[in-house]
All heavy atoms as atom14 arrays in JSON, in Angstrom:
{
  "sequence": "GLVFIDIDHFKNINDTYGHEIGDQVLTSVAQTMRNSLRSSDFL",
  "atom14_mask": [
    [1, 1, 1, 1, 0, 0, 0, 0, 0, 0, 0, 0, 0, 0],
    [1, 1, 1, 1, 1, 1, 1, 1, 0, 0, 0, 0, 0, 0],
    [1, 1, 1, 1, 1, 1, 1, 0, 0, 0, 0, 0, 0, 0],
    [1, 1, 1, 1, 1, 1, 1, 1, 1, 1, 1, 0, 0, 0],
    [1, 1, 1, 1, 1, 1, 1, 1, 0, 0, 0, 0, 0, 0],
    [1, 1, 1, 1, 1, 1, 1, 1, 0, 0, 0, 0, 0, 0],
    [1, 1, 1, 1, 1, 1, 1, 1, 0, 0, 0, 0, 0, 0],
    [1, 1, 1, 1, 1, 1, 1, 1, 0, 0, 0, 0, 0, 0],
    [1, 1, 1, 1, 1, 1, 1, 1, 1, 1, 0, 0, 0, 0],
    [1, 1, 1, 1, 1, 1, 1, 1, 1, 1, 1, 0, 0, 0],
    [1, 1, 1, 1, 1, 1, 1, 1, 1, 0, 0, 0, 0, 0],
    [1, 1, 1, 1, 1, 1, 1, 1, 0, 0, 0, 0, 0, 0],
    [1, 1, 1, 1, 1, 1, 1, 1, 0, 0, 0, 0, 0, 0],
    [1, 1, 1, 1, 1, 1, 1, 1, 0, 0, 0, 0, 0, 0],
    [1, 1, 1, 1, 1, 1, 1, 1, 0, 0, 0, 0, 0, 0],
    [1, 1, 1, 1, 1, 1, 1, 0, 0, 0, 0, 0, 0, 0],
    [1, 1, 1, 1, 1, 1, 1, 1, 1, 1, 1, 1, 0, 0],
    [1, 1, 1, 1, 0, 0, 0, 0, 0, 0, 0, 0, 0, 0],
    [1, 1, 1, 1, 1, 1, 1, 1, 1, 1, 0, 0, 0, 0],
    [1, 1, 1, 1, 1, 1, 1, 1, 1, 0, 0, 0, 0, 0],
    [1, 1, 1, 1, 1, 1, 1, 1, 0, 0, 0, 0, 0, 0],
    [1, 1, 1, 1, 0, 0, 0, 0, 0, 0, 0, 0, 0, 0],
    [1, 1, 1, 1, 1, 1, 1, 1, 0, 0, 0, 0, 0, 0],
    [1, 1, 1, 1, 1, 1, 1, 1, 1, 0, 0, 0, 0, 0],
    [1, 1, 1, 1, 1, 1, 1, 0, 0, 0, 0, 0, 0, 0],
    [1, 1, 1, 1, 1, 1, 1, 1, 0, 0, 0, 0, 0, 0],
    [1, 1, 1, 1, 1, 1, 1, 0, 0, 0, 0, 0, 0, 0],
    [1, 1, 1, 1, 1, 1, 0, 0, 0, 0, 0, 0, 0, 0],
    [1, 1, 1, 1, 1, 1, 1, 0, 0, 0, 0, 0, 0, 0],
    [1, 1, 1, 1, 1, 0, 0, 0, 0, 0, 0, 0, 0, 0],
    [1, 1, 1, 1, 1, 1, 1, 1, 1, 0, 0, 0, 0, 0],
    [1, 1, 1, 1, 1, 1, 1, 0, 0, 0, 0, 0, 0, 0],
    [1, 1, 1, 1, 1, 1, 1, 1, 0, 0, 0, 0, 0, 0],
    [1, 1, 1, 1, 1, 1, 1, 1, 1, 1, 1, 0, 0, 0],
    [1, 1, 1, 1, 1, 1, 1, 1, 0, 0, 0, 0, 0, 0],
    [1, 1, 1, 1, 1, 1, 0, 0, 0, 0, 0, 0, 0, 0],
    [1, 1, 1, 1, 1, 1, 1, 1, 0, 0, 0, 0, 0, 0],
    [1, 1, 1, 1, 1, 1, 1, 1, 1, 1, 1, 0, 0, 0],
    [1, 1, 1, 1, 1, 1, 0, 0, 0, 0, 0, 0, 0, 0],
    [1, 1, 1, 1, 1, 1, 0, 0, 0, 0, 0, 0, 0, 0],
    [1, 1, 1, 1, 1, 1, 1, 1, 0, 0, 0, 0, 0, 0],
    [1, 1, 1, 1, 1, 1, 1, 1, 1, 1, 1, 0, 0, 0],
    [1, 1, 1, 1, 1, 1, 1, 1, 0, 0, 0, 0, 0, 0]
  ],
  "atom14_positions": [
    [[9.5, 15.39, -8.06], [9.36, 15.17, -6.62], [9.34, 13.69, -6.31], [8.94, 12.87, -7.14], [0.0, 0.0, 0.0], [0.0, 0.0, 0.0], [0.0, 0.0, 0.0], [0.0, 0.0, 0.0], [0.0, 0.0, 0.0], [0.0, 0.0, 0.0], [0.0, 0.0, 0.0], [0.0, 0.0, 0.0], [0.0, 0.0, 0.0], [0.0, 0.0, 0.0]],
    [[9.79, 13.34, -5.12], [9.79, 11.96, -4.67], [9.02, 11.89, -3.36], [9.23, 12.71, -2.47], [11.23, 11.49, -4.47], [11.38, 10.02, -4.07], [12.6, 9.43, -4.78], [11.52, 9.87, -2.58], [0.0, 0.0, 0.0], [0.0, 0.0, 0.0], [0.0, 0.0, 0.0], [0.0, 0.0, 0.0], [0.0, 0.0, 0.0], [0.0, 0.0, 0.0]],
    [[8.11, 10.92, -3.27], [7.38, 10.68, -2.03], [7.66, 9.24, -1.61], [7.41, 8.3, -2.37], [5.86, 10.89, -2.21], [5.16, 10.78, -0.86], [5.54, 12.22, -2.87], [0.0, 0.0, 0.0], [0.0, 0.0, 0.0], [0.0, 0.0, 0.0], [0.0, 0.0, 0.0], [0.0, 0.0, 0.0], [0.0, 0.0, 0.0], [0.0, 0.0, 0.0]],
    [[8.22, 9.1, -0.43], [8.53, 7.78, 0.14], [7.42, 7.48, 1.14], [7.22, 8.24, 2.09], [9.89, 7.84, 0.8], [10.56, 6.53, 1.02], [10.26, 5.41, 0.26], [11.53, 6.4, 2.0], [10.9, 4.2, 0.46], [12.19, 5.2, 2.21], [11.87, 4.1, 1.45], [0.0, 0.0, 0.0], [0.0, 0.0, 0.0], [0.0, 0.0, 0.0]],
    [[6.67, 6.41, 0.93], [5.46, 6.12, 1.7], [5.57, 4.77, 2.38], [6.05, 3.8, 1.8], [4.23, 6.14, 0.76], [4.04, 7.55, 0.2], [2.98, 5.66, 1.48], [3.02, 7.63, -0.91], [0.0, 0.0, 0.0], [0.0, 0.0, 0.0], [0.0, 0.0, 0.0], [0.0, 0.0, 0.0], [0.0, 0.0, 0.0], [0.0, 0.0, 0.0]],
    [[5.09, 4.71, 3.61], [5.11, 3.48, 4.4], [3.74, 3.28, 5.03], [3.14, 4.23, 5.56], [6.18, 3.61, 5.49], [6.36, 2.35, 6.29], [7.05, 1.44, 5.8], [5.81, 2.28, 7.41], [0.0, 0.0, 0.0], [0.0, 0.0, 0.0], [0.0, 0.0, 0.0], [0.0, 0.0, 0.0], [0.0, 0.0, 0.0], [0.0, 0.0, 0.0]],
    [[3.23, 2.05, 4.98], [1.95, 1.74, 5.61], [2.15, 1.71, 7.12], [3.05, 1.02, 7.62], [1.38, 0.4, 5.11], [1.13, 0.46, 3.6], [0.09, 0.04, 5.86], [0.71, -0.86, 2.97], [0.0, 0.0, 0.0], [0.0, 0.0, 0.0], [0.0, 0.0, 0.0], [0.0, 0.0, 0.0], [0.0, 0.0, 0.0], [0.0, 0.0, 0.0]],
    [[1.32, 2.45, 7.83], [1.42, 2.52, 9.29], [0.98, 1.21, 9.93], [-0.03, 0.62, 9.53], [0.55, 3.67, 9.83], [1.02, 5.03, 9.36], [2.25, 5.21, 9.18], [0.17, 5.93, 9.19], [0.0, 0.0, 0.0], [0.0, 0.0, 0.0], [0.0, 0.0, 0.0], [0.0, 0.0, 0.0], [0.0, 0.0, 0.0], [0.0, 0.0, 0.0]],
    [[1.75, 0.76, 10.91], [1.41, -0.42, 11.73], [1.17, -1.67, 10.89], [0.33, -2.51, 11.22], [0.19, -0.14, 12.61], [0.35, 1.06, 13.5], [1.26, 1.11, 14.54], [-0.28, 2.25, 13.5], [1.17, 2.29, 15.14], [0.26, 3.01, 14.53], [0.0, 0.0, 0.0], [0.0, 0.0, 0.0], [0.0, 0.0, 0.0], [0.0, 0.0, 0.0]],
    [[1.92, -1.82, 9.81], [1.69, -2.96, 8.92], [1.99, -4.29, 9.61], [1.3, -5.29, 9.38], [2.53, -2.83, 7.64], [2.21, -3.88, 6.62], [1.01, -3.84, 5.92], [3.09, -4.91, 6.38], [0.7, -4.81, 4.99], [2.79, -5.89, 5.44], [1.59, -5.84, 4.74], [0.0, 0.0, 0.0], [0.0, 0.0, 0.0], [0.0, 0.0, 0.0]],
    [[2.98, -4.33, 10.47], [3.31, -5.57, 11.19], [2.11, -6.03, 12.01], [1.8, -7.22, 12.07], [4.53, -5.37, 12.08], [4.96, -6.65, 12.8], [6.14, -6.41, 13.71], [6.62, -7.65, 14.42], [5.63, -8.57, 14.91], [0.0, 0.0, 0.0], [0.0, 0.0, 0.0], [0.0, 0.0, 0.0], [0.0, 0.0, 0.0], [0.0, 0.0, 0.0]],
    [[1.39, -5.08, 12.62], [0.2, -5.43, 13.4], [-0.88, -6.05, 12.51], [-1.6, -6.96, 12.94], [-0.37, -4.2, 14.11], [0.54, -3.68, 15.2], [1.47, -4.36, 15.62], [0.28, -2.47, 15.65], [0.0, 0.0, 0.0], [0.0, 0.0, 0.0], [0.0, 0.0, 0.0], [0.0, 0.0, 0.0], [0.0, 0.0, 0.0], [0.0, 0.0, 0.0]],
    [[-1.0, -5.55, 11.28], [-1.98, -6.11, 10.35], [-1.63, -7.56, 10.04], [-2.48, -8.45, 10.1], [-2.04, -5.27, 9.06], [-2.6, -3.87, 9.37], [-2.88, -5.96, 7.98], [-2.39, -2.86, 8.27], [0.0, 0.0, 0.0], [0.0, 0.0, 0.0], [0.0, 0.0, 0.0], [0.0, 0.0, 0.0], [0.0, 0.0, 0.0], [0.0, 0.0, 0.0]],
    [[-0.36, -7.8, 9.71], [0.08, -9.17, 9.42], [-0.09, -10.08, 10.64], [-0.55, -11.21, 10.52], [1.54, -9.19, 8.97], [1.7, -8.99, 7.49], [0.8, -9.25, 6.7], [2.86, -8.52, 7.08], [0.0, 0.0, 0.0], [0.0, 0.0, 0.0], [0.0, 0.0, 0.0], [0.0, 0.0, 0.0], [0.0, 0.0, 0.0], [0.0, 0.0, 0.0]],
    [[0.27, -9.57, 11.82], [0.18, -10.38, 13.03], [-1.27, -10.66, 13.42], [-1.58, -11.74, 13.91], [0.88, -9.68, 14.2], [2.39, -9.64, 14.03], [2.92, -10.33, 13.14], [3.05, -8.9, 14.8], [0.0, 0.0, 0.0], [0.0, 0.0, 0.0], [0.0, 0.0, 0.0], [0.0, 0.0, 0.0], [0.0, 0.0, 0.0], [0.0, 0.0, 0.0]],
    [[-2.16, -9.7, 13.18], [-3.57, -9.85, 13.57], [-4.36, -10.68, 12.56], [-5.14, -11.55, 12.93], [-4.23, -8.46, 13.72], [-3.51, -7.72, 14.69], [-5.69, -8.58, 14.13], [0.0, 0.0, 0.0], [0.0, 0.0, 0.0], [0.0, 0.0, 0.0], [0.0, 0.0, 0.0], [0.0, 0.0, 0.0], [0.0, 0.0, 0.0], [0.0, 0.0, 0.0]],
    [[-4.15, -10.4, 11.28], [-5.01, -10.99, 10.24], [-4.3, -12.03, 9.37], [-4.96, -12.74, 8.61], [-5.56, -9.89, 9.32], [-6.38, -8.87, 10.05], [-5.87, -7.6, 10.3], [-7.66, -9.16, 10.51], [-6.61, -6.64, 10.98], [-8.42, -8.22, 11.19], [-7.88, -6.96, 11.41], [-8.62, -6.02, 12.08], [0.0, 0.0, 0.0], [0.0, 0.0, 0.0]],
    [[-2.99, -12.09, 9.42], [-2.24, -13.03, 8.6], [-1.68, -12.38, 7.35], [-2.09, -11.31, 6.94], [0.0, 0.0, 0.0], [0.0, 0.0, 0.0], [0.0, 0.0, 0.0], [0.0, 0.0, 0.0], [0.0, 0.0, 0.0], [0.0, 0.0, 0.0], [0.0, 0.0, 0.0], [0.0, 0.0, 0.0], [0.0, 0.0, 0.0], [0.0, 0.0, 0.0]],
    [[-0.73, -13.07, 6.75], [-0.01, -12.51, 5.6], [-0.88, -12.4, 4.35], [-0.65, -11.52, 3.53], [1.26, -13.34, 5.33], [2.29, -13.17, 6.4], [3.11, -12.07, 6.48], [2.6, -13.95, 7.47], [3.89, -12.19, 7.54], [3.6, -13.32, 8.14], [0.0, 0.0, 0.0], [0.0, 0.0, 0.0], [0.0, 0.0, 0.0], [0.0, 0.0, 0.0]],
    [[-1.86, -13.27, 4.21], [-2.75, -13.17, 3.04], [-3.53, -11.86, 3.07], [-3.65, -11.16, 2.07], [-3.71, -14.36, 3.0], [-4.58, -14.37, 1.76], [-5.48, -15.6, 1.7], [-5.04, -16.69, 2.08], [-6.63, -15.43, 1.26], [0.0, 0.0, 0.0], [0.0, 0.0, 0.0], [0.0, 0.0, 0.0], [0.0, 0.0, 0.0], [0.0, 0.0, 0.0]],
    [[-4.02, -11.49, 4.24], [-4.72, -10.21, 4.39], [-3.72, -9.07, 4.24], [-4.02, -8.04, 3.62], [-5.44, -10.13, 5.75], [-6.51, -11.22, 5.85], [-6.04, -8.74, 5.97], [-7.61, -11.16, 4.81], [0.0, 0.0, 0.0], [0.0, 0.0, 0.0], [0.0, 0.0, 0.0], [0.0, 0.0, 0.0], [0.0, 0.0, 0.0], [0.0, 0.0, 0.0]],
    [[-2.52, -9.24, 4.76], [-1.48, -8.23, 4.58], [-1.22, -7.98, 3.1], [-1.07, -6.83, 2.68], [0.0, 0.0, 0.0], [0.0, 0.0, 0.0], [0.0, 0.0, 0.0], [0.0, 0.0, 0.0], [0.0, 0.0, 0.0], [0.0, 0.0, 0.0], [0.0, 0.0, 0.0], [0.0, 0.0, 0.0], [0.0, 0.0, 0.0], [0.0, 0.0, 0.0]],
    [[-1.19, -9.03, 2.31], [-1.02, -8.88, 0.86], [-2.19, -8.11, 0.24], [-2.01, -7.29, -0.66], [-0.86, -10.23, 0.18], [0.47, -10.9, 0.48], [1.38, -10.21, 1.0], [0.59, -12.11, 0.2], [0.0, 0.0, 0.0], [0.0, 0.0, 0.0], [0.0, 0.0, 0.0], [0.0, 0.0, 0.0], [0.0, 0.0, 0.0], [0.0, 0.0, 0.0]],
    [[-3.41, -8.38, 0.72], [-4.58, -7.64, 0.23], [-4.48, -6.16, 0.58], [-4.86, -5.3, -0.21], [-5.86, -8.23, 0.8], [-6.22, -9.59, 0.25], [-7.49, -10.15, 0.89], [-8.36, -9.41, 1.32], [-7.57, -11.47, 0.94], [0.0, 0.0, 0.0], [0.0, 0.0, 0.0], [0.0, 0.0, 0.0], [0.0, 0.0, 0.0], [0.0, 0.0, 0.0]],
    [[-3.97, -5.87, 1.76], [-3.79, -4.48, 2.18], [-2.77, -3.79, 1.26], [-3.0, -2.68, 0.77], [-3.34, -4.39, 3.66], [-2.86, -2.99, 4.0], [-4.49, -4.81, 4.57], [0.0, 0.0, 0.0], [0.0, 0.0, 0.0], [0.0, 0.0, 0.0], [0.0, 0.0, 0.0], [0.0, 0.0, 0.0], [0.0, 0.0, 0.0], [0.0, 0.0, 0.0]],
    [[-1.66, -4.46, 0.99], [-0.66, -3.89, 0.07], [-1.26, -3.6, -1.29], [-1.05, -2.52, -1.86], [0.52, -4.87, -0.09], [1.45, -5.02, 1.09], [2.37, -6.22, 0.88], [2.26, -3.74, 1.29], [0.0, 0.0, 0.0], [0.0, 0.0, 0.0], [0.0, 0.0, 0.0], [0.0, 0.0, 0.0], [0.0, 0.0, 0.0], [0.0, 0.0, 0.0]],
    [[-2.02, -4.54, -1.82], [-2.65, -4.37, -3.13], [-3.65, -3.22, -3.1], [-3.68, -2.38, -4.01], [-3.34, -5.67, -3.56], [-2.35, -6.7, -3.63], [-4.01, -5.52, -4.91], [0.0, 0.0, 0.0], [0.0, 0.0, 0.0], [0.0, 0.0, 0.0], [0.0, 0.0, 0.0], [0.0, 0.0, 0.0], [0.0, 0.0, 0.0], [0.0, 0.0, 0.0]],
    [[-4.46, -3.16, -2.06], [-5.47, -2.11, -1.95], [-4.84, -0.72, -1.86], [-5.27, 0.22, -2.53], [-6.34, -2.37, -0.71], [-7.26, -1.33, -0.51], [0.0, 0.0, 0.0], [0.0, 0.0, 0.0], [0.0, 0.0, 0.0], [0.0, 0.0, 0.0], [0.0, 0.0, 0.0], [0.0, 0.0, 0.0], [0.0, 0.0, 0.0], [0.0, 0.0, 0.0]],
    [[-3.8, -0.59, -1.04], [-3.11, 0.69, -0.89], [-2.48, 1.1, -2.22], [-2.61, 2.25, -2.66], [-2.06, 0.64, 0.24], [-1.14, 1.85, 0.21], [-2.76, 0.53, 1.59], [0.0, 0.0, 0.0], [0.0, 0.0, 0.0], [0.0, 0.0, 0.0], [0.0, 0.0, 0.0], [0.0, 0.0, 0.0], [0.0, 0.0, 0.0], [0.0, 0.0, 0.0]],
    [[-1.82, 0.16, -2.88], [-1.19, 0.45, -4.18], [-2.22, 0.9, -5.21], [-2.0, 1.88, -5.93], [-0.42, -0.77, -4.67], [0.0, 0.0, 0.0], [0.0, 0.0, 0.0], [0.0, 0.0, 0.0], [0.0, 0.0, 0.0], [0.0, 0.0, 0.0], [0.0, 0.0, 0.0], [0.0, 0.0, 0.0], [0.0, 0.0, 0.0], [0.0, 0.0, 0.0]],
    [[-3.35, 0.2, -5.28], [-4.39, 0.57, -6.25], [-4.98, 1.94, -5.93], [-5.22, 2.74, -6.84], [-5.49, -0.49, -6.29], [-5.07, -1.77, -6.96], [-6.14, -2.85, -6.87], [-7.05, -2.79, -6.05], [-6.01, -3.86, -7.71], [0.0, 0.0, 0.0], [0.0, 0.0, 0.0], [0.0, 0.0, 0.0], [0.0, 0.0, 0.0], [0.0, 0.0, 0.0]],
    [[-5.21, 2.2, -4.67], [-5.76, 3.5, -4.27], [-4.83, 4.63, -4.7], [-5.26, 5.63, -5.27], [-5.99, 3.53, -2.74], [-6.95, 2.54, -2.41], [-6.49, 4.9, -2.29], [0.0, 0.0, 0.0], [0.0, 0.0, 0.0], [0.0, 0.0, 0.0], [0.0, 0.0, 0.0], [0.0, 0.0, 0.0], [0.0, 0.0, 0.0], [0.0, 0.0, 0.0]],
    [[-3.55, 4.46, -4.44], [-2.59, 5.51, -4.8], [-2.41, 5.61, -6.31], [-2.41, 6.7, -6.86], [-1.25, 5.27, -4.09], [-1.33, 5.47, -2.59], [0.27, 5.49, -1.75], [0.89, 3.86, -2.07], [0.0, 0.0, 0.0], [0.0, 0.0, 0.0], [0.0, 0.0, 0.0], [0.0, 0.0, 0.0], [0.0, 0.0, 0.0], [0.0, 0.0, 0.0]],
    [[-2.29, 4.48, -6.98], [-2.06, 4.48, -8.43], [-3.22, 5.18, -9.15], [-3.01, 5.91, -10.12], [-1.89, 3.04, -8.94], [-1.71, 2.88, -10.42], [-0.39, 3.45, -10.89], [-0.65, 4.51, -11.84], [0.21, 5.44, -12.22], [1.41, 5.47, -11.74], [-0.12, 6.37, -13.07], [0.0, 0.0, 0.0], [0.0, 0.0, 0.0], [0.0, 0.0, 0.0]],
    [[-4.44, 4.94, -8.69], [-5.62, 5.52, -9.34], [-5.69, 7.04, -9.19], [-6.46, 7.69, -9.9], [-6.9, 4.89, -8.8], [-7.05, 3.45, -9.25], [-6.47, 3.03, -10.25], [-7.82, 2.68, -8.51], [0.0, 0.0, 0.0], [0.0, 0.0, 0.0], [0.0, 0.0, 0.0], [0.0, 0.0, 0.0], [0.0, 0.0, 0.0], [0.0, 0.0, 0.0]],
    [[-4.91, 7.61, -8.28], [-4.97, 9.05, -8.07], [-3.8, 9.79, -8.72], [-3.74, 11.01, -8.64], [-5.02, 9.36, -6.58], [-3.78, 9.08, -5.99], [0.0, 0.0, 0.0], [0.0, 0.0, 0.0], [0.0, 0.0, 0.0], [0.0, 0.0, 0.0], [0.0, 0.0, 0.0], [0.0, 0.0, 0.0], [0.0, 0.0, 0.0], [0.0, 0.0, 0.0]],
    [[-2.9, 9.06, -9.35], [-1.75, 9.69, -9.98], [-1.97, 9.9, -11.47], [-2.78, 9.21, -12.08], [-0.49, 8.82, -9.78], [0.0, 8.67, -8.35], [1.11, 7.62, -8.29], [0.49, 9.99, -7.81], [0.0, 0.0, 0.0], [0.0, 0.0, 0.0], [0.0, 0.0, 0.0], [0.0, 0.0, 0.0], [0.0, 0.0, 0.0], [0.0, 0.0, 0.0]],
    [[-1.24, 10.84, -12.03], [-1.25, 11.03, -13.48], [-0.54, 9.86, -14.14], [0.32, 9.23, -13.52], [-0.55, 12.33, -13.86], [-1.13, 13.58, -13.23], [-0.25, 14.78, -13.47], [1.07, 14.55, -12.87], [2.03, 15.45, -12.82], [1.86, 16.65, -13.33], [3.2, 15.18, -12.26], [0.0, 0.0, 0.0], [0.0, 0.0, 0.0], [0.0, 0.0, 0.0]],
    [[-0.86, 9.61, -15.38], [-0.21, 8.5, -16.09], [1.29, 8.73, -16.24], [2.06, 7.78, -16.38], [-0.86, 8.29, -17.45], [-0.72, 9.45, -18.24], [0.0, 0.0, 0.0], [0.0, 0.0, 0.0], [0.0, 0.0, 0.0], [0.0, 0.0, 0.0], [0.0, 0.0, 0.0], [0.0, 0.0, 0.0], [0.0, 0.0, 0.0], [0.0, 0.0, 0.0]],
    [[1.74, 9.98, -16.18], [3.16, 10.28, -16.31], [3.94, 10.06, -15.02], [5.17, 10.0, -15.03], [3.35, 11.73, -16.77], [2.81, 12.62, -15.81], [0.0, 0.0, 0.0], [0.0, 0.0, 0.0], [0.0, 0.0, 0.0], [0.0, 0.0, 0.0], [0.0, 0.0, 0.0], [0.0, 0.0, 0.0], [0.0, 0.0, 0.0], [0.0, 0.0, 0.0]],
    [[3.24, 9.92, -13.89], [3.9, 9.71, -12.61], [4.2, 8.22, -12.41], [3.68, 7.37, -13.12], [3.04, 10.25, -11.47], [2.85, 11.76, -11.57], [3.75, 12.44, -12.08], [1.78, 12.24, -11.15], [0.0, 0.0, 0.0], [0.0, 0.0, 0.0], [0.0, 0.0, 0.0], [0.0, 0.0, 0.0], [0.0, 0.0, 0.0], [0.0, 0.0, 0.0]],
    [[5.02, 7.92, -11.42], [5.45, 6.54, -11.18], [5.16, 6.16, -9.74], [5.43, 6.92, -8.81], [6.96, 6.41, -11.45], [7.52, 5.09, -11.03], [7.41, 3.98, -11.85], [8.15, 4.95, -9.81], [7.91, 2.75, -11.46], [8.66, 3.71, -9.4], [8.54, 2.62, -10.24], [0.0, 0.0, 0.0], [0.0, 0.0, 0.0], [0.0, 0.0, 0.0]],
    [[4.63, 4.96, -9.57], [4.44, 4.38, -8.25], [5.02, 2.97, -8.28], [4.7, 2.19, -9.18], [2.95, 4.31, -7.88], [2.63, 3.54, -6.6], [3.09, 4.3, -5.36], [1.15, 3.24, -6.5], [0.0, 0.0, 0.0], [0.0, 0.0, 0.0], [0.0, 0.0, 0.0], [0.0, 0.0, 0.0], [0.0, 0.0, 0.0], [0.0, 0.0, 0.0]]
  ]
}
């Protein structure tokens, strides 16, 4: 199976908080998702 995922309203996050915070959001979302997948799955 393939799941294509997009962060909602990400442009607003960058515009409101700046790109450094946007990068933290990307990292946080990636870690949250990666930690819930099996080792055989890919993110």
